[in-house]
Protein backbone atom coordinates (compact mmCIF):
# COMPACT_ATOMS: atom_id res chain seq x y z
CA MET A 1 -11.44 19.17 5.94
CA VAL A 2 -14.14 16.50 6.30
CA ALA A 3 -13.60 13.25 8.22
CA LYS A 4 -13.50 11.27 4.96
CA ASP A 5 -10.70 13.50 3.71
CA TYR A 6 -8.72 12.96 6.90
CA ALA A 7 -9.18 9.21 6.57
CA ARG A 8 -7.99 9.33 2.95
CA VAL A 9 -4.88 11.32 3.89
CA TYR A 10 -4.16 8.94 6.78
CA ARG A 11 -4.49 5.93 4.48
CA ALA A 12 -2.20 7.49 1.88
CA ASN A 13 0.43 8.29 4.52
CA SER A 14 0.17 4.75 5.90
CA ILE A 15 0.96 3.35 2.47
CA LEU A 16 3.80 5.79 1.80
CA THR A 17 5.51 5.04 5.12
CA ALA A 18 4.87 1.28 5.27
CA SER A 19 7.63 -1.29 5.04
CA PRO A 20 7.39 -3.93 2.29
CA GLY A 21 6.06 -6.40 4.86
CA GLN A 22 3.44 -3.95 6.06
CA LEU A 23 2.40 -3.31 2.45
CA VAL A 24 1.65 -7.02 2.09
CA VAL A 25 -0.54 -6.85 5.20
CA LEU A 26 -2.34 -3.84 3.70
CA LEU A 27 -2.97 -5.86 0.54
CA PHE A 28 -4.37 -8.74 2.60
CA ASP A 29 -6.60 -6.29 4.46
CA GLY A 30 -7.83 -4.74 1.21
CA ALA A 31 -8.72 -8.12 -0.26
CA LEU A 32 -10.47 -9.21 2.94
CA GLN A 33 -12.46 -5.97 3.08
CA ALA A 34 -13.53 -6.33 -0.55
CA MET A 35 -14.67 -9.92 0.04
CA ALA A 36 -16.62 -8.93 3.15
CA THR A 37 -18.36 -6.15 1.22
CA ALA A 38 -19.21 -8.57 -1.61
CA ARG A 39 -20.59 -11.16 0.81
CA GLU A 40 -22.68 -8.49 2.53
CA ALA A 41 -24.04 -7.31 -0.83
CA LEU A 42 -25.12 -10.87 -1.69
CA GLY A 43 -27.29 -10.80 1.42
CA ARG A 44 -29.18 -7.71 0.31
CA PRO A 45 -32.79 -8.05 -0.84
CA ALA A 46 -33.44 -9.00 -4.46
CA THR A 47 -35.09 -5.61 -4.90
CA ASP A 48 -31.68 -3.93 -4.51
CA LEU A 49 -30.73 -3.58 -8.15
CA ARG A 50 -27.13 -2.60 -7.37
CA ARG A 51 -26.24 -5.69 -5.34
CA TYR A 52 -24.78 -7.68 -8.24
CA GLU A 53 -22.87 -4.64 -9.43
CA ILE A 54 -21.35 -4.27 -5.97
CA VAL A 55 -20.54 -7.99 -5.77
CA ASN A 56 -18.84 -7.93 -9.16
CA HIS A 57 -16.86 -4.78 -8.37
CA GLN A 58 -15.68 -6.00 -4.97
CA LEU A 59 -14.77 -9.52 -6.10
CA THR A 60 -12.89 -8.10 -9.08
CA LYS A 61 -11.04 -5.81 -6.67
CA ALA A 62 -10.16 -8.75 -4.41
CA ARG A 63 -8.93 -10.78 -7.41
CA ARG A 64 -6.74 -7.87 -8.55
CA ILE A 65 -5.21 -7.59 -5.09
CA ILE A 66 -4.53 -11.33 -5.05
CA ALA A 67 -2.92 -10.97 -8.50
CA GLU A 68 -0.69 -8.24 -7.04
CA LEU A 69 0.27 -10.53 -4.16
CA ARG A 70 1.04 -13.28 -6.65
CA GLY A 71 3.08 -10.89 -8.78
CA SER A 72 5.17 -9.88 -5.78
CA LEU A 73 6.43 -13.43 -5.18
CA ASN A 74 10.20 -13.81 -5.44
CA PHE A 75 10.81 -17.22 -7.00
CA LYS A 76 14.59 -16.85 -6.92
CA GLU A 77 14.69 -16.37 -3.14
CA GLY A 78 11.45 -18.18 -2.27
CA GLY A 79 11.99 -21.36 -4.28
CA ASP A 80 9.43 -24.05 -3.55
CA PHE A 81 7.63 -21.89 -1.00
CA ALA A 82 7.01 -19.16 -3.60
CA SER A 83 5.70 -21.80 -6.03
CA LEU A 84 3.35 -23.11 -3.36
CA MET A 85 2.13 -19.60 -2.61
CA GLU A 86 1.55 -18.99 -6.32
CA GLN A 87 -0.67 -22.08 -6.48
CA LEU A 88 -2.53 -20.91 -3.39
CA TYR A 89 -3.13 -17.44 -4.85
CA GLU A 90 -4.30 -19.02 -8.12
CA TYR A 91 -6.77 -21.14 -6.14
CA TYR A 92 -8.08 -18.07 -4.30
CA ALA A 93 -8.56 -16.19 -7.58
CA ARG A 94 -10.33 -19.16 -9.17
CA ARG A 95 -12.71 -19.56 -6.22
CA LEU A 96 -13.54 -15.84 -6.26
CA LEU A 97 -14.24 -15.99 -9.99
CA GLU A 98 -16.56 -18.92 -9.34
CA ALA A 99 -18.29 -16.98 -6.55
CA ASN A 100 -18.74 -14.02 -8.87
CA LEU A 101 -20.16 -16.07 -11.74
CA ARG A 102 -22.55 -18.03 -9.52
CA LYS A 103 -23.23 -15.21 -7.04
CA ASP A 104 -22.47 -17.75 -4.32
CA PRO A 105 -21.22 -16.61 -0.89
CA ALA A 106 -19.68 -19.99 0.04
CA PRO A 107 -16.46 -19.62 -2.00
CA ILE A 108 -16.08 -16.06 -0.70
CA ALA A 109 -16.30 -17.27 2.90
CA GLU A 110 -13.78 -20.03 2.14
CA VAL A 111 -11.23 -17.64 0.66
CA GLU A 112 -11.84 -15.11 3.45
CA LYS A 113 -11.03 -17.77 6.03
CA LEU A 114 -7.91 -18.99 4.24
CA LEU A 115 -6.60 -15.54 3.38
CA GLY A 116 -7.35 -14.33 6.91
CA GLU A 117 -5.25 -17.16 8.34
CA LEU A 118 -2.44 -16.31 5.91
CA ARG A 119 -2.67 -12.64 6.90
CA ASP A 120 -2.49 -13.50 10.60
CA ALA A 121 0.56 -15.72 10.01
CA TRP A 122 2.20 -12.91 8.04
CA VAL A 123 1.56 -10.41 10.88
CA GLU A 124 3.01 -12.85 13.40
CA MET A 125 6.10 -13.38 11.25
CA LEU A 126 6.59 -9.62 10.91
CA SER A 127 6.29 -9.11 14.65
CA LYS A 128 8.89 -11.82 15.31
CA LEU A 129 11.24 -10.42 12.68
CA GLY A 130 10.79 -6.92 14.06
CA ALA A 131 11.74 -8.08 17.52
CA ASP A 132 14.74 -10.09 16.30
CA GLN A 133 16.22 -7.66 13.79
CA PRO A 134 17.99 -4.34 14.34
CA GLU A 135 16.35 -1.09 13.28
CA ARG A 136 17.16 -0.07 9.71
CA ASP A 137 17.50 3.39 8.31
CA ALA A 138 15.74 4.74 5.22
CA VAL A 139 18.18 3.03 2.84
CA GLY A 140 17.93 -0.33 4.55
CA ARG A 141 21.31 -0.35 6.34
CA SER A 142 21.63 -1.56 9.92
């Protein structure tokens, strides 16, 4: 098995064994990686004919991940906070669309910063919850 295959298997197992909170972190990471790749592609020389294709693909990927995050919001339990997060995700998606249309790295950097801060806050919350809550079994019982 080649190293890429091992990495793919590891990634698949990480997803299959992740908690719902960890899955959200993985989504944040995926969106951040896609934005970083898009921003890097914008910096390539004009002679690189694939750079706009890469930018479009990666920003579309990031927007789809953000749409998934938005779709996972629980408005019944989250109330006003979920509504605020929905508006934030809509703003991120709009800025990435603008970056894609204009091939402008500035909105990408803005969303990367904001989403990175949100990701870090989410990780901190998970670590505090993990320390404060009892272990749960596979069916979610204490």
